[in-house]
Amino acid sequence: MISEEIKDLYSKVEGMLWNYTTLKNEVKNLELDIEELENDYRGCGSIVYGEKTGPTNAFNSSVENEVEYRSKELKFLMKLKRSKEIQVEKVDNALESLSDDEKKVIELKYFGNNKKLGWLKIGEIMGFCDVTCRALKNAAIKKMILIIFPYKEF
């Protein structure tokens, strides 16, 4: 059972590594969306006269509706941005615990435009055989699991 849990965490960390660059770009785009939402104001629209079915104590103003909409949208975007920032920070923290060789293998395999590199090419760049590079990757991900998921017991 424990080995299944380790496999699951291994897959999660590997997924975080594959999506690392995308996550960083999503954070930047969310910052732009938040800035746009804060700076763009639609203003008041025209007054709509419609038939009311009965008296209520509710207010229904276009300004109030817009302020409420913006507030909800802004909270949602900020929460989503922070969630993605936390994922990026977890990966950054875990990367700091790796040796230089482990970090280099992870960068070559998962980040930037190098995602298509095979193990032979990575081994050539690193000056190791492909088997050694795979072992470095496995060791690195196991270390990262302990940093990213410290509350798990193995």
Protein backbone atom coordinates (compact mmCIF):
# COMPACT_ATOMS: atom_id res chain seq x y z
CA MET A 1 0.00 0.00 0.00
CA ILE A 2 2.82 2.38 0.85
CA SER A 3 4.47 1.75 -2.51
CA GLU A 4 1.23 2.81 -4.26
CA GLU A 5 1.23 6.03 -2.26
CA ILE A 6 4.86 6.69 -3.18
CA LYS A 7 4.08 6.04 -6.85
CA ASP A 8 1.18 8.49 -6.62
CA LEU A 9 3.35 11.18 -5.00
CA TYR A 10 6.11 10.52 -7.54
CA SER A 11 3.58 11.11 -10.34
CA LYS A 12 2.33 14.29 -8.67
CA VAL A 13 5.84 15.73 -8.34
CA GLU A 14 6.64 14.77 -11.91
CA GLY A 15 3.42 16.48 -13.04
CA MET A 16 4.40 19.61 -11.11
CA LEU A 17 7.76 19.56 -12.89
CA TRP A 18 6.21 19.12 -16.35
CA ASN A 19 3.80 22.01 -15.65
CA TYR A 20 6.29 24.29 -13.86
CA THR A 21 6.93 26.67 -16.77
CA THR A 22 3.22 26.79 -17.62
CA LEU A 23 2.34 27.54 -13.98
CA LYS A 24 4.78 30.46 -13.90
CA ASN A 25 3.24 31.87 -17.08
CA GLU A 26 -0.28 31.40 -15.72
CA VAL A 27 0.69 33.41 -12.63
CA LYS A 28 1.93 36.24 -14.86
CA ASN A 29 -1.28 36.18 -16.89
CA LEU A 30 -3.42 36.17 -13.75
CA GLU A 31 -1.49 39.23 -12.53
CA LEU A 32 -2.37 40.93 -15.82
CA ASP A 33 -6.03 39.90 -15.51
CA ILE A 34 -6.17 41.28 -11.96
CA GLU A 35 -4.54 44.54 -13.07
CA GLU A 36 -6.97 44.84 -15.97
CA LEU A 37 -9.96 44.18 -13.71
CA GLU A 38 -8.77 46.78 -11.22
CA ASN A 39 -8.17 49.42 -13.92
CA ASP A 40 -11.13 48.79 -16.20
CA TYR A 41 -14.43 50.18 -15.05
CA ARG A 42 -17.55 49.86 -17.16
CA GLY A 43 -19.40 52.62 -15.38
CA CYS A 44 -23.12 53.03 -15.07
CA GLY A 45 -25.40 51.72 -17.74
CA SER A 46 -28.78 53.02 -18.73
CA ILE A 47 -31.71 52.84 -16.37
CA VAL A 48 -34.07 50.00 -17.10
CA TYR A 49 -37.71 50.55 -16.43
CA GLY A 50 -39.55 47.33 -16.01
CA GLU A 51 -42.67 46.05 -14.43
CA LYS A 52 -42.32 45.17 -10.77
CA THR A 53 -44.48 42.47 -9.34
CA GLY A 54 -44.41 43.73 -5.80
CA PRO A 55 -42.51 45.90 -3.36
CA THR A 56 -39.19 44.59 -2.04
CA ASN A 57 -36.50 45.95 0.21
CA ALA A 58 -33.72 44.88 -2.17
CA PHE A 59 -31.58 47.43 -3.95
CA ASN A 60 -30.73 46.79 -7.59
CA SER A 61 -28.34 49.41 -8.82
CA SER A 62 -26.03 48.94 -11.81
CA VAL A 63 -23.17 50.47 -9.81
CA GLU A 64 -23.76 48.16 -6.85
CA ASN A 65 -24.06 45.16 -9.18
CA GLU A 66 -20.80 46.03 -10.91
CA VAL A 67 -18.94 46.60 -7.64
CA GLU A 68 -20.20 43.25 -6.33
CA TYR A 69 -19.28 41.48 -9.57
CA ARG A 70 -15.78 43.00 -9.60
CA SER A 71 -15.24 42.13 -5.97
CA LYS A 72 -16.18 38.47 -6.52
CA GLU A 73 -14.15 38.21 -9.72
CA LEU A 74 -11.12 39.86 -8.10
CA LYS A 75 -11.27 37.52 -5.09
CA PHE A 76 -11.52 34.50 -7.38
CA LEU A 77 -8.57 35.59 -9.53
CA MET A 78 -6.42 36.42 -6.51
CA LYS A 79 -7.20 33.06 -4.89
CA LEU A 80 -6.39 31.20 -8.11
CA LYS A 81 -3.15 33.17 -8.55
CA ARG A 82 -2.04 32.43 -4.99
CA SER A 83 -2.77 28.73 -5.43
CA LYS A 84 -0.54 28.61 -8.51
CA GLU A 85 2.16 30.69 -6.78
CA ILE A 86 2.20 28.19 -3.92
CA GLN A 87 2.74 25.32 -6.34
CA VAL A 88 5.63 27.18 -7.99
CA GLU A 89 7.15 28.03 -4.60
CA LYS A 90 6.92 24.39 -3.49
CA VAL A 91 8.85 23.28 -6.57
CA ASP A 92 11.40 26.08 -6.08
CA ASN A 93 11.93 25.08 -2.44
CA ALA A 94 12.34 21.43 -3.37
CA LEU A 95 14.81 22.28 -6.14
CA GLU A 96 16.99 24.09 -3.62
CA SER A 97 17.51 20.82 -1.73
CA LEU A 98 18.97 19.02 -4.76
CA SER A 99 22.60 18.58 -5.66
CA ASP A 100 23.90 20.45 -8.70
CA ASP A 101 23.81 17.31 -10.87
CA GLU A 102 20.27 16.42 -9.77
CA LYS A 103 19.08 19.96 -10.41
CA LYS A 104 20.69 20.02 -13.87
CA VAL A 105 19.04 16.71 -14.85
CA ILE A 106 15.64 17.99 -13.69
CA GLU A 107 16.10 21.26 -15.62
CA LEU A 108 17.16 19.45 -18.79
CA LYS A 109 14.31 16.94 -18.61
CA TYR A 110 11.37 19.08 -17.50
CA PHE A 111 11.94 22.80 -18.04
CA GLY A 112 11.98 25.16 -20.99
CA ASN A 113 12.37 23.98 -24.55
CA ASN A 114 14.33 20.89 -23.46
CA LYS A 115 11.24 18.79 -22.72
CA LYS A 116 11.85 16.70 -25.83
CA LEU A 117 15.40 15.71 -24.86
CA GLY A 118 15.96 11.98 -24.53
CA TRP A 119 18.12 10.37 -21.89
CA LEU A 120 21.02 9.80 -24.29
CA LYS A 121 21.17 13.51 -25.14
CA ILE A 122 20.84 14.51 -21.48
CA GLY A 123 23.63 12.06 -20.64
CA GLU A 124 25.79 13.58 -23.36
CA ILE A 125 25.22 17.10 -22.02
CA MET A 126 25.86 16.02 -18.43
CA GLY A 127 28.85 13.84 -19.21
CA PHE A 128 27.17 10.74 -17.72
CA CYS A 129 25.54 7.69 -19.21
CA ASP A 130 21.76 7.68 -19.63
CA VAL A 131 21.33 5.18 -16.77
CA THR A 132 23.13 7.50 -14.36
CA CYS A 133 20.98 10.43 -15.47
CA ARG A 134 17.80 8.44 -14.85
CA ALA A 135 19.09 7.45 -11.42
CA LEU A 136 19.83 11.13 -10.67
CA LYS A 137 16.29 12.05 -11.74
CA ASN A 138 14.74 9.35 -9.56
CA ALA A 139 16.83 10.39 -6.55
CA ALA A 140 15.93 14.04 -7.14
CA ILE A 141 12.21 13.35 -7.33
CA LYS A 142 12.35 11.23 -4.16
CA LYS A 143 14.05 14.14 -2.35
CA MET A 144 11.45 16.53 -3.75
CA ILE A 145 8.61 14.33 -2.48
CA LEU A 146 9.95 14.70 1.07
CA ILE A 147 10.09 18.51 0.70
CA ILE A 148 6.77 19.04 -1.12
CA PHE A 149 4.82 16.54 0.99
CA PRO A 150 6.48 16.71 4.44
CA TYR A 151 3.33 15.59 6.21
CA LYS A 152 3.40 12.16 4.55
CA GLU A 153 5.03 9.37 6.50
CA PHE A 154 6.96 6.61 4.73
